[in-house]
PDB file of N, CA and C in Angstrom:
ATOM      1  N   MET A   1     -17.760  40.567  32.038  1.00  0.00           N
ATOM      2  CA  MET A   1     -16.629  40.872  31.183  1.00  0.00           C
ATOM      3  C   MET A   1     -16.720  42.271  30.577  1.00  0.00           C
ATOM      4  N   LYS A   2     -17.923  42.827  30.512  1.00  0.00           N
ATOM      5  CA  LYS A   2     -18.105  44.172  29.970  1.00  0.00           C
ATOM      6  C   LYS A   2     -18.850  45.019  30.979  1.00  0.00           C
ATOM      7  N   ILE A   3     -18.341  46.210  31.207  1.00  0.00           N
ATOM      8  CA  ILE A   3     -19.006  47.156  32.095  1.00  0.00           C
ATOM      9  C   ILE A   3     -19.392  48.370  31.267  1.00  0.00           C
ATOM     10  N   VAL A   4     -20.662  48.751  31.344  1.00  0.00           N
ATOM     11  CA  VAL A   4     -21.146  49.935  30.646  1.00  0.00           C
ATOM     12  C   VAL A   4     -21.600  50.935  31.694  1.00  0.00           C
ATOM     13  N   VAL A   5     -21.016  52.132  31.650  1.00  0.00           N
ATOM     14  CA  VAL A   5     -21.325  53.195  32.596  1.00  0.00           C
ATOM     15  C   VAL A   5     -22.056  54.302  31.841  1.00  0.00           C
ATOM     16  N   TYR A   6     -23.230  54.670  32.329  1.00  0.00           N
ATOM     17  CA  TYR A   6     -23.964  55.809  31.799  1.00  0.00           C
ATOM     18  C   TYR A   6     -23.760  56.957  32.771  1.00  0.00           C
ATOM     19  N   ARG A   7     -23.136  58.020  32.297  1.00  0.00           N
ATOM     20  CA  ARG A   7     -22.775  59.163  33.148  1.00  0.00           C
ATOM     21  C   ARG A   7     -23.621  60.362  32.760  1.00  0.00           C
ATOM     22  N   ASP A   8     -24.378  60.891  33.706  1.00  0.00           N
ATOM     23  CA  ASP A   8     -25.258  62.029  33.464  1.00  0.00           C
ATOM     24  C   ASP A   8     -24.659  63.281  34.077  1.00  0.00           C
ATOM     25  N   GLY A   9     -25.179  64.435  33.685  1.00  0.00           N
ATOM     26  CA  GLY A   9     -24.779  65.696  34.310  1.00  0.00           C
ATOM     27  C   GLY A   9     -23.458  66.238  33.817  1.00  0.00           C
ATOM     28  N   VAL A  10     -23.103  65.970  32.580  1.00  0.00           N
ATOM     29  CA  VAL A  10     -21.834  66.435  32.020  1.00  0.00           C
ATOM     30  C   VAL A  10     -22.139  67.349  30.834  1.00  0.00           C
ATOM     31  N   SER A  11     -21.653  68.576  30.900  1.00  0.00           N
ATOM     32  CA  SER A  11     -21.838  69.502  29.781  1.00  0.00           C
ATOM     33  C   SER A  11     -20.737  69.278  28.746  1.00  0.00           C
ATOM     34  N   ASP A  12     -20.890  69.885  27.582  1.00  0.00           N
ATOM     35  CA  ASP A  12     -19.883  69.742  26.534  1.00  0.00           C
ATOM     36  C   ASP A  12     -18.507  70.195  26.995  1.00  0.00           C
ATOM     37  N   SER A  13     -18.454  71.234  27.809  1.00  0.00           N
ATOM     38  CA  SER A  13     -17.166  71.746  28.273  1.00  0.00           C
ATOM     39  C   SER A  13     -16.478  70.807  29.261  1.00  0.00           C
ATOM     40  N   GLN A  14     -17.194  69.842  29.810  1.00  0.00           N
ATOM     41  CA  GLN A  14     -16.629  68.906  30.791  1.00  0.00           C
ATOM     42  C   GLN A  14     -16.299  67.534  30.206  1.00  0.00           C
ATOM     43  N   LEU A  15     -16.540  67.335  28.920  1.00  0.00           N
ATOM     44  CA  LEU A  15     -16.314  66.022  28.310  1.00  0.00           C
ATOM     45  C   LEU A  15     -14.854  65.588  28.407  1.00  0.00           C
ATOM     46  N   ASP A  16     -13.935  66.502  28.166  1.00  0.00           N
ATOM     47  CA  ASP A  16     -12.512  66.157  28.267  1.00  0.00           C
ATOM     48  C   ASP A  16     -12.130  65.757  29.693  1.00  0.00           C
ATOM     49  N   THR A  17     -12.754  66.382  30.684  1.00  0.00           N
ATOM     50  CA  THR A  17     -12.481  66.052  32.075  1.00  0.00           C
ATOM     51  C   THR A  17     -12.883  64.607  32.380  1.00  0.00           C
ATOM     52  N   VAL A  18     -14.031  64.192  31.873  1.00  0.00           N
ATOM     53  CA  VAL A  18     -14.471  62.801  32.060  1.00  0.00           C
ATOM     54  C   VAL A  18     -13.447  61.856  31.446  1.00  0.00           C
ATOM     55  N   LEU A  19     -12.995  62.197  30.251  1.00  0.00           N
ATOM     56  CA  LEU A  19     -12.046  61.333  29.547  1.00  0.00           C
ATOM     57  C   LEU A  19     -10.681  61.296  30.233  1.00  0.00           C
ATOM     58  N   LYS A  20     -10.213  62.414  30.743  1.00  0.00           N
ATOM     59  CA  LYS A  20      -8.872  62.489  31.327  1.00  0.00           C
ATOM     60  C   LYS A  20      -8.804  62.010  32.773  1.00  0.00           C
ATOM     61  N   TYR A  21      -9.904  62.168  33.536  1.00  0.00           N
ATOM     62  CA  TYR A  21      -9.849  61.863  34.968  1.00  0.00           C
ATOM     63  C   TYR A  21     -10.758  60.714  35.397  1.00  0.00           C
ATOM     64  N   GLU A  22     -12.006  60.729  34.954  1.00  0.00           N
ATOM     65  CA  GLU A  22     -12.940  59.714  35.446  1.00  0.00           C
ATOM     66  C   GLU A  22     -12.701  58.342  34.844  1.00  0.00           C
ATOM     67  N   VAL A  23     -12.440  58.282  33.542  1.00  0.00           N
ATOM     68  CA  VAL A  23     -12.195  56.979  32.907  1.00  0.00           C
ATOM     69  C   VAL A  23     -10.954  56.300  33.500  1.00  0.00           C
ATOM     70  N   PRO A  24      -9.818  57.007  33.654  1.00  0.00           N
ATOM     71  CA  PRO A  24      -8.664  56.345  34.292  1.00  0.00           C
ATOM     72  C   PRO A  24      -8.941  55.886  35.730  1.00  0.00           C
ATOM     73  N   GLN A  25      -9.746  56.636  36.476  1.00  0.00           N
ATOM     74  CA  GLN A  25     -10.084  56.219  37.838  1.00  0.00           C
ATOM     75  C   GLN A  25     -10.925  54.947  37.824  1.00  0.00           C
ATOM     76  N   LEU A  26     -11.841  54.843  36.888  1.00  0.00           N
ATOM     77  CA  LEU A  26     -12.631  53.607  36.759  1.00  0.00           C
ATOM     78  C   LEU A  26     -11.716  52.434  36.434  1.00  0.00           C
ATOM     79  N   GLN A  27     -10.817  52.633  35.486  1.00  0.00           N
ATOM     80  CA  GLN A  27      -9.897  51.560  35.105  1.00  0.00           C
ATOM     81  C   GLN A  27      -8.987  51.166  36.261  1.00  0.00           C
ATOM     82  N   LYS A  28      -8.551  52.140  37.025  1.00  0.00           N
ATOM     83  CA  LYS A  28      -7.682  51.853  38.170  1.00  0.00           C
ATOM     84  C   LYS A  28      -8.415  51.038  39.232  1.00  0.00           C
ATOM     85  N   SER A  29      -9.712  51.256  39.366  1.00  0.00           N
ATOM     86  CA  SER A  29     -10.485  50.512  40.365  1.00  0.00           C
ATOM     87  C   SER A  29     -10.530  49.013  40.071  1.00  0.00           C
ATOM     88  N   PHE A  30     -10.361  48.638  38.812  1.00  0.00           N
ATOM     89  CA  PHE A  30     -10.366  47.220  38.456  1.00  0.00           C
ATOM     90  C   PHE A  30      -9.166  46.490  39.053  1.00  0.00           C
ATOM     91  N   HIS A  31      -8.073  47.214  39.322  1.00  0.00           N
ATOM     92  CA  HIS A  31      -6.865  46.597  39.860  1.00  0.00           C
ATOM     93  C   HIS A  31      -7.045  46.141  41.312  1.00  0.00           C
ATOM     94  N   ALA A  32      -8.118  46.581  41.948  1.00  0.00           N
ATOM     95  CA  ALA A  32      -8.395  46.146  43.320  1.00  0.00           C
ATOM     96  C   ALA A  32      -8.756  44.663  43.367  1.00  0.00           C
ATOM     97  N   PHE A  33      -9.121  44.097  42.224  1.00  0.00           N
ATOM     98  CA  PHE A  33      -9.493  42.688  42.133  1.00  0.00           C
ATOM     99  C   PHE A  33      -8.449  41.945  41.308  1.00  0.00           C
ATOM    100  N   GLN A  34      -8.012  40.848  41.815  1.00  0.00           N
ATOM    101  CA  GLN A  34      -6.976  40.076  41.139  1.00  0.00           C
ATOM    102  C   GLN A  34      -7.509  39.464  39.849  1.00  0.00           C
ATOM    103  N   ASN A  35      -6.734  39.561  38.788  1.00  0.00           N
ATOM    104  CA  ASN A  35      -7.078  38.985  37.472  1.00  0.00           C
ATOM    105  C   ASN A  35      -8.431  39.465  36.948  1.00  0.00           C
ATOM    106  N   TYR A  36      -8.729  40.719  37.159  1.00  0.00           N
ATOM    107  CA  TYR A  36      -9.997  41.287  36.697  1.00  0.00           C
ATOM    108  C   TYR A  36      -9.708  42.408  35.712  1.00  0.00           C
ATOM    109  N   GLN A  37      -9.987  42.166  34.455  1.00  0.00           N
ATOM    110  CA  GLN A  37      -9.732  43.144  33.408  1.00  0.00           C
ATOM    111  C   GLN A  37     -10.927  43.217  32.459  1.00  0.00           C
ATOM    112  N   PRO A  38     -12.034  43.769  32.918  1.00  0.00           N
ATOM    113  CA  PRO A  38     -13.198  43.849  32.037  1.00  0.00           C
ATOM    114  C   PRO A  38     -13.005  44.950  30.992  1.00  0.00           C
ATOM    115  N   SER A  39     -13.727  44.821  29.899  1.00  0.00           N
ATOM    116  CA  SER A  39     -13.746  45.923  28.939  1.00  0.00           C
ATOM    117  C   SER A  39     -14.719  46.970  29.474  1.00  0.00           C
ATOM    118  N   LEU A  40     -14.482  48.219  29.093  1.00  0.00           N
ATOM    119  CA  LEU A  40     -15.228  49.332  29.671  1.00  0.00           C
ATOM    120  C   LEU A  40     -15.816  50.210  28.578  1.00  0.00           C
ATOM    121  N   VAL A  41     -17.074  50.574  28.772  1.00  0.00           N
ATOM    122  CA  VAL A  41     -17.748  51.530  27.895  1.00  0.00           C
ATOM    123  C   VAL A  41     -18.290  52.628  28.798  1.00  0.00           C
ATOM    124  N   VAL A  42     -17.955  53.877  28.481  1.00  0.00           N
ATOM    125  CA  VAL A  42     -18.446  55.029  29.236  1.00  0.00           C
ATOM    126  C   VAL A  42     -19.255  55.895  28.281  1.00  0.00           C
ATOM    127  N   ILE A  43     -20.520  56.094  28.611  1.00  0.00           N
ATOM    128  CA  ILE A  43     -21.427  56.889  27.784  1.00  0.00           C
ATOM    129  C   ILE A  43     -21.952  58.043  28.617  1.00  0.00           C
ATOM    130  N   VAL A  44     -21.771  59.243  28.099  1.00  0.00           N
ATOM    131  CA  VAL A  44     -22.316  60.445  28.742  1.00  0.00           C
ATOM    132  C   VAL A  44     -23.716  60.669  28.190  1.00  0.00           C
ATOM    133  N   VAL A  45     -24.668  60.924  29.080  1.00  0.00           N
ATOM    134  CA  VAL A  45     -26.059  61.150  28.710  1.00  0.00           C
ATOM    135  C   VAL A  45     -26.387  62.616  28.991  1.00  0.00           C
ATOM    136  N   GLN A  46     -26.785  63.330  27.949  1.00  0.00           N
ATOM    137  CA  GLN A  46     -27.151  64.735  28.094  1.00  0.00           C
ATOM    138  C   GLN A  46     -28.638  64.896  27.813  1.00  0.00           C
ATOM    139  N   LYS A  47     -29.381  65.308  28.854  1.00  0.00           N
ATOM    140  CA  LYS A  47     -30.837  65.421  28.719  1.00  0.00           C
ATOM    141  C   LYS A  47     -31.314  66.853  28.565  1.00  0.00           C
ATOM    142  N   GLN A  48     -30.542  67.802  29.031  1.00  0.00           N
ATOM    143  CA  GLN A  48     -30.987  69.193  28.983  1.00  0.00           C
ATOM    144  C   GLN A  48     -30.394  69.873  27.757  1.00  0.00           C
ATOM    145  N   LEU A  49     -31.057  69.669  26.636  1.00  0.00           N
ATOM    146  CA  LEU A  49     -30.593  70.184  25.361  1.00  0.00           C
ATOM    147  C   LEU A  49     -31.553  71.248  24.848  1.00  0.00           C
ATOM    148  N   SER A  50     -31.047  72.071  23.971  1.00  0.00           N
ATOM    149  CA  SER A  50     -31.915  73.028  23.291  1.00  0.00           C
ATOM    150  C   SER A  50     -32.143  72.593  21.847  1.00  0.00           C
ATOM    151  N   THR A  51     -31.823  71.347  21.557  1.00  0.00           N
ATOM    152  CA  THR A  51     -31.961  70.787  20.210  1.00  0.00           C
ATOM    153  C   THR A  51     -33.364  70.238  20.021  1.00  0.00           C
ATOM    154  N   ASN A  52     -33.958  70.533  18.892  1.00  0.00           N
ATOM    155  CA  ASN A  52     -35.268  69.989  18.529  1.00  0.00           C
ATOM    156  C   ASN A  52     -35.185  69.396  17.130  1.00  0.00           C
ATOM    157  N   PHE A  53     -35.909  68.330  16.901  1.00  0.00           N
ATOM    158  CA  PHE A  53     -36.001  67.715  15.583  1.00  0.00           C
ATOM    159  C   PHE A  53     -37.462  67.663  15.174  1.00  0.00           C
ATOM    160  N   TYR A  54     -37.694  67.789  13.886  1.00  0.00           N
ATOM    161  CA  TYR A  54     -39.052  67.776  13.353  1.00  0.00           C
ATOM    162  C   TYR A  54     -39.104  66.876  12.126  1.00  0.00           C
ATOM    163  N   CYS A  55     -40.275  66.311  11.875  1.00  0.00           N
ATOM    164  CA  CYS A  55     -40.547  65.538  10.670  1.00  0.00           C
ATOM    165  C   CYS A  55     -41.582  66.298   9.855  1.00  0.00           C
ATOM    166  N   LEU A  56     -41.441  66.222   8.548  1.00  0.00           N
ATOM    167  CA  LEU A  56     -42.432  66.825   7.667  1.00  0.00           C
ATOM    168  C   LEU A  56     -43.459  65.765   7.315  1.00  0.00           C
ATOM    169  N   THR A  57     -44.680  65.943   7.794  1.00  0.00           N
ATOM    170  CA  THR A  57     -45.774  65.021   7.515  1.00  0.00           C
ATOM    171  C   THR A  57     -46.797  65.775   6.675  1.00  0.00           C
ATOM    172  N   GLY A  58     -46.823  65.453   5.388  1.00  0.00           N
ATOM    173  CA  GLY A  58     -47.679  66.224   4.493  1.00  0.00           C
ATOM    174  C   GLY A  58     -47.127  67.628   4.386  1.00  0.00           C
ATOM    175  N   GLU A  59     -47.887  68.588   4.882  1.00  0.00           N
ATOM    176  CA  GLU A  59     -47.431  69.979   4.897  1.00  0.00           C
ATOM    177  C   GLU A  59     -47.229  70.481   6.320  1.00  0.00           C
ATOM    178  N   GLU A  60     -47.132  69.561   7.256  1.00  0.00           N
ATOM    179  CA  GLU A  60     -47.060  69.929   8.671  1.00  0.00           C
ATOM    180  C   GLU A  60     -45.770  69.415   9.306  1.00  0.00           C
ATOM    181  N   LEU A  61     -45.164  70.248  10.135  1.00  0.00           N
ATOM    182  CA  LEU A  61     -43.998  69.822  10.904  1.00  0.00           C
ATOM    183  C   LEU A  61     -44.473  69.266  12.241  1.00  0.00           C
ATOM    184  N   VAL A  62     -44.056  68.033  12.550  1.00  0.00           N
ATOM    185  CA  VAL A  62     -44.445  67.375  13.795  1.00  0.00           C
ATOM    186  C   VAL A  62     -43.204  66.765  14.445  1.00  0.00           C
ATOM    187  N   SER A  63     -43.326  66.378  15.694  1.00  0.00           N
ATOM    188  CA  SER A  63     -42.232  65.681  16.374  1.00  0.00           C
ATOM    189  C   SER A  63     -42.014  64.319  15.734  1.00  0.00           C
ATOM    190  N   PRO A  64     -40.769  63.886  15.614  1.00  0.00           N
ATOM    191  CA  PRO A  64     -40.500  62.542  15.092  1.00  0.00           C
ATOM    192  C   PRO A  64     -41.118  61.481  15.998  1.00  0.00           C
ATOM    193  N   PRO A  65     -41.358  60.299  15.473  1.00  0.00           N
ATOM    194  CA  PRO A  65     -41.972  59.242  16.291  1.00  0.00           C
ATOM    195  C   PRO A  65     -41.053  58.753  17.409  1.00  0.00           C
ATOM    196  N   LEU A  66     -41.669  58.214  18.422  1.00  0.00           N
ATOM    197  CA  LEU A  66     -40.972  57.610  19.551  1.00  0.00           C
ATOM    198  C   LEU A  66     -39.959  56.589  19.044  1.00  0.00           C
ATOM    199  N   GLY A  67     -38.757  56.623  19.576  1.00  0.00           N
ATOM    200  CA  GLY A  67     -37.734  55.666  19.192  1.00  0.00           C
ATOM    201  C   GLY A  67     -36.839  56.119  18.053  1.00  0.00           C
ATOM    202  N   THR A  68     -37.042  57.334  17.562  1.00  0.00           N
ATOM    203  CA  THR A  68     -36.209  57.847  16.474  1.00  0.00           C
ATOM    204  C   THR A  68     -34.768  58.045  16.956  1.00  0.00           C
ATOM    205  N   VAL A  69     -33.827  57.560  16.169  1.00  0.00           N
ATOM    206  CA  VAL A  69     -32.405  57.733  16.443  1.00  0.00           C
ATOM    207  C   VAL A  69     -31.809  58.583  15.322  1.00  0.00           C
ATOM    208  N   ILE A  70     -31.072  59.619  15.718  1.00  0.00           N
ATOM    209  CA  ILE A  70     -30.389  60.473  14.755  1.00  0.00           C
ATOM    210  C   ILE A  70     -28.897  60.316  15.024  1.00  0.00           C
ATOM    211  N   ASP A  71     -28.190  59.718  14.063  1.00  0.00           N
ATOM    212  CA  ASP A  71     -26.784  59.402  14.309  1.00  0.00           C
ATOM    213  C   ASP A  71     -25.836  59.924  13.236  1.00  0.00           C
ATOM    214  N   HIS A  72     -26.295  60.825  12.402  1.00  0.00           N
ATOM    215  CA  HIS A  72     -25.407  61.441  11.413  1.00  0.00           C
ATOM    216  C   HIS A  72     -25.991  62.774  10.963  1.00  0.00           C
ATOM    217  N   GLY A  73     -25.160  63.564  10.344  1.00  0.00           N
ATOM    218  CA  GLY A  73     -25.617  64.857   9.835  1.00  0.00           C
ATOM    219  C   GLY A  73     -25.515  65.988  10.847  1.00  0.00           C
ATOM    220  N   VAL A  74     -26.050  65.793  12.026  1.00  0.00           N
ATOM    221  CA  VAL A  74     -26.040  66.843  13.061  1.00  0.00           C
ATOM    222  C   VAL A  74     -25.268  66.422  14.314  1.00  0.00           C
ATOM    223  N   THR A  75     -24.619  65.281  14.243  1.00  0.00           N
ATOM    224  CA  THR A  75     -23.853  64.803  15.393  1.00  0.00           C
ATOM    225  C   THR A  75     -22.433  65.361  15.341  1.00  0.00           C
ATOM    226  N   SER A  76     -21.686  65.121  16.374  1.00  0.00           N
ATOM    227  CA  SER A  76     -20.328  65.651  16.511  1.00  0.00           C
ATOM    228  C   SER A  76     -19.355  64.890  15.612  1.00  0.00           C
ATOM    229  N   SER A  77     -18.399  65.621  15.075  1.00  0.00           N
ATOM    230  CA  SER A  77     -17.362  64.955  14.280  1.00  0.00           C
ATOM    231  C   SER A  77     -16.244  64.414  15.178  1.00  0.00           C
ATOM    232  N   GLY A  78     -16.183  64.901  16.417  1.00  0.00           N
ATOM    233  CA  GLY A  78     -15.116  64.482  17.315  1.00  0.00           C
ATOM    234  C   GLY A  78     -15.473  63.350  18.258  1.00  0.00           C
ATOM    235  N   TRP A  79     -16.751  63.040  18.396  1.00  0.00           N
ATOM    236  CA  TRP A  79     -17.199  61.997  19.318  1.00  0.00           C
ATOM    237  C   TRP A  79     -18.111  61.022  18.590  1.00  0.00           C
ATOM    238  N   GLN A  80     -18.228  59.825  19.129  1.00  0.00           N
ATOM    239  CA  GLN A  80     -19.219  58.873  18.630  1.00  0.00           C
ATOM    240  C   GLN A  80     -20.490  59.145  19.428  1.00  0.00           C
ATOM    241  N   ASP A  81     -21.437  59.862  18.825  1.00  0.00           N
ATOM    242  CA  ASP A  81     -22.632  60.259  19.553  1.00  0.00           C
ATOM    243  C   ASP A  81     -23.875  60.072  18.702  1.00  0.00           C
ATOM    244  N   PHE A  82     -25.028  60.102  19.377  1.00  0.00           N
ATOM    245  CA  PHE A  82     -26.313  60.019  18.687  1.00  0.00           C
ATOM    246  C   PHE A  82     -27.384  60.639  19.567  1.00  0.00           C
ATOM    247  N   PHE A  83     -28.497  60.978  18.941  1.00  0.00           N
ATOM    248  CA  PHE A  83     -29.664  61.497  19.636  1.00  0.00           C
ATOM    249  C   PHE A  83     -30.747  60.436  19.606  1.00  0.00           C
ATOM    250  N   LEU A  84     -31.510  60.339  20.696  1.00  0.00           N
ATOM    251  CA  LEU A  84     -32.606  59.376  20.785  1.00  0.00           C
ATOM    252  C   LEU A  84     -33.840  60.091  21.315  1.00  0.00           C
ATOM    253  N   LEU A  85     -34.940  59.927  20.614  1.00  0.00           N
ATOM    254  CA  LEU A  85     -36.234  60.412  21.105  1.00  0.00           C
ATOM    255  C   LEU A  85     -36.902  59.225  21.788  1.00  0.00           C
ATOM    256  N   ALA A  86     -36.778  59.194  23.103  1.00  0.00           N
ATOM    257  CA  ALA A  86     -37.206  58.025  23.866  1.00  0.00           C
ATOM    258  C   ALA A  86     -38.599  58.168  24.457  1.00  0.00           C
ATOM    259  N   HIS A  87     -39.254  59.282  24.189  1.00  0.00           N
ATOM    260  CA  HIS A  87     -40.577  59.479  24.758  1.00  0.00           C
ATOM    261  C   HIS A  87     -41.468  60.230  23.767  1.00  0.00           C
ATOM    262  N   HIS A  88     -42.748  60.115  23.972  1.00  0.00           N
ATOM    263  CA  HIS A  88     -43.736  60.783  23.127  1.00  0.00           C
ATOM    264  C   HIS A  88     -44.160  62.087  23.788  1.00  0.00           C
ATOM    265  N   SER A  89     -44.272  63.122  22.996  1.00  0.00           N
ATOM    266  CA  SER A  89     -44.714  64.407  23.514  1.00  0.00           C
ATOM    267  C   SER A  89     -46.188  64.593  23.204  1.00  0.00           C
ATOM    268  N   ARG A  90     -46.970  64.877  24.226  1.00  0.00           N
ATOM    269  CA  ARG A  90     -48.399  65.107  24.004  1.00  0.00           C
ATOM    270  C   ARG A  90     -48.671  66.494  23.446  1.00  0.00           C
ATOM    271  N   GLN A  91     -47.791  67.413  23.799  1.00  0.00           N
ATOM    272  CA  GLN A  91     -47.964  68.787  23.350  1.00  0.00           C
ATOM    273  C   GLN A  91     -46.596  69.377  23.056  1.00  0.00           C
ATOM    274  N   GLY A  92     -46.470  70.139  21.989  1.00  0.00           N
ATOM    275  CA  GLY A  92     -45.188  70.721  21.626  1.00  0.00           C
ATOM    276  C   GLY A  92     -44.301  69.692  20.955  1.00  0.00           C
ATOM    277  N   CYS A  93     -42.997  69.876  21.071  1.00  0.00           N
ATOM    278  CA  CYS A  93     -42.084  68.935  20.426  1.00  0.00           C
ATOM    279  C   CYS A  93     -41.321  68.134  21.480  1.00  0.00           C
ATOM    280  N   SER A  94     -40.904  66.958  21.085  1.00  0.00           N
ATOM    281  CA  SER A  94     -40.124  66.093  21.969  1.00  0.00           C
ATOM    282  C   SER A  94     -38.687  66.579  22.018  1.00  0.00           C
ATOM    283  N   ILE A  95     -38.109  66.586  23.197  1.00  0.00           N
ATOM    284  CA  ILE A  95     -36.701  66.950  23.373  1.00  0.00           C
ATOM    285  C   ILE A  95     -35.893  65.653  23.354  1.00  0.00           C
ATOM    286  N   PRO A  96     -34.906  65.547  22.467  1.00  0.00           N
ATOM    287  CA  PRO A  96     -34.115  64.316  22.410  1.00  0.00           C
ATOM    288  C   PRO A  96     -33.116  64.235  23.559  1.00  0.00           C
ATOM    289  N   THR A  97     -32.589  63.060  23.757  1.00  0.00           N
ATOM    290  CA  THR A  97     -31.485  62.825  24.682  1.00  0.00           C
ATOM    291  C   THR A  97     -30.266  62.526  23.836  1.00  0.00           C
ATOM    292  N   ARG A  98     -29.144  63.119  24.206  1.00  0.00           N
ATOM    293  CA  ARG A  98     -27.902  62.892  23.472  1.00  0.00           C
ATOM    294  C   ARG A  98     -27.038  61.902  24.250  1.00  0.00           C
ATOM    295  N   TYR A  99     -26.532  60.912  23.541  1.00  0.00           N
ATOM    296  CA  TYR A  99     -25.638  59.910  24.116  1.00  0.00           C
ATOM    297  C   TYR A  99     -24.276  60.044  23.437  1.00  0.00           C
ATOM    298  N   ILE A 100     -23.231  60.219  24.246  1.00  0.00           N
ATOM    299  CA  ILE A 100     -21.882  60.392  23.720  1.00  0.00           C
ATOM    300  C   ILE A 100     -21.003  59.274  24.263  1.00  0.00           C
ATOM    301  N   CYS A 101     -20.482  58.461  23.379  1.00  0.00           N
ATOM    302  CA  CYS A 101     -19.594  57.372  23.797  1.00  0.00           C
ATOM    303  C   CYS A 101     -18.193  57.944  23.990  1.00  0.00           C
ATOM    304  N   MET A 102     -17.747  57.992  25.240  1.00  0.00           N
ATOM    305  CA  MET A 102     -16.454  58.571  25.585  1.00  0.00           C
ATOM    306  C   MET A 102     -15.323  57.540  25.526  1.00  0.00           C
ATOM    307  N   TRP A 103     -15.667  56.294  25.833  1.00  0.00           N
ATOM    308  CA  TRP A 103     -14.654  55.243  25.944  1.00  0.00           C
ATOM    309  C   TRP A 103     -15.309  53.926  25.576  1.00  0.00           C
ATOM    310  N   ASN A 104     -14.639  53.121  24.765  1.00  0.00           N
ATOM    311  CA  ASN A 104     -15.266  51.886  24.304  1.00  0.00           C
ATOM    312  C   ASN A 104     -14.210  50.817  24.037  1.00  0.00           C
ATOM    313  N   THR A 105     -13.706  50.197  25.101  1.00  0.00           N
ATOM    314  CA  THR A 105     -12.749  49.107  24.914  1.00  0.00           C
ATOM    315  C   THR A 105     -13.455  47.776  24.659  1.00  0.00           C
ATOM    316  N   ALA A 106     -14.769  47.777  24.723  1.00  0.00           N
ATOM    317  CA  ALA A 106     -15.541  46.570  24.401  1.00  0.00           C
ATOM    318  C   ALA A 106     -15.800  46.467  22.900  1.00  0.00           C
ATOM    319  N   ASN A 107     -15.388  47.499  22.169  1.00  0.00           N
ATOM    320  CA  ASN A 107     -15.568  47.546  20.718  1.00  0.00           C
ATOM    321  C   ASN A 107     -17.027  47.346  20.300  1.00  0.00           C
ATOM    322  N   LEU A 108     -17.936  47.934  21.073  1.00  0.00           N
ATOM    323  CA  LEU A 108     -19.343  47.865  20.703  1.00  0.00           C
ATOM    324  C   LEU A 108     -19.588  48.763  19.496  1.00  0.00           C
ATOM    325  N   SER A 109     -20.352  48.269  18.550  1.00  0.00           N
ATOM    326  CA  SER A 109     -20.660  49.040  17.345  1.00  0.00           C
ATOM    327  C   SER A 109     -21.676  50.124  17.667  1.00  0.00           C
ATOM    328  N   SER A 110     -21.868  51.042  16.750  1.00  0.00           N
ATOM    329  CA  SER A 110     -22.878  52.082  16.921  1.00  0.00           C
ATOM    330  C   SER A 110     -24.253  51.476  17.147  1.00  0.00           C
ATOM    331  N   GLU A 111     -24.560  50.425  16.427  1.00  0.00           N
ATOM    332  CA  GLU A 111     -25.856  49.765  16.578  1.00  0.00           C
ATOM    333  C   GLU A 111     -26.021  49.180  17.967  1.00  0.00           C
ATOM    334  N   HIS A 112     -24.946  48.597  18.511  1.00  0.00           N
ATOM    335  CA  HIS A 112     -25.019  48.052  19.871  1.00  0.00           C
ATOM    336  C   HIS A 112     -25.202  49.160  20.897  1.00  0.00           C
ATOM    337  N   LEU A 113     -24.511  50.267  20.716  1.00  0.00           N
ATOM    338  CA  LEU A 113     -24.656  51.383  21.653  1.00  0.00           C
ATOM    339  C   LEU A 113     -26.066  51.952  21.618  1.00  0.00           C
ATOM    340  N   GLN A 114     -26.610  52.049  20.436  1.00  0.00           N
ATOM    341  CA  GLN A 114     -27.958  52.613  20.302  1.00  0.00           C
ATOM    342  C   GLN A 114     -28.993  51.654  20.825  1.00  0.00           C
TER     343      GLN A 114
END
């Protein structure tokens, strides 16, 4: 009843293209099946970012712990998006992954998306 699509390889300048062309094509494909109307969630995953986050531990700046989610303050005002630190960095800082919810007819909450 719910289809969640994770779409990679989309830059900020291409987000509108996904919304205007790819989402309608996905929805149109559902018409190939009789009486099939699933809800659809399309999430763009951006891995190649120049964004870094740090935590202050004592007097030292370190990478945030594995599993840290940043969903306000530095996120987009135009999209429902969040950053996730899904891996541990042995050296240097961890690069987050950005998830942008482009379409959500399943009415999944931010917590469900994260």
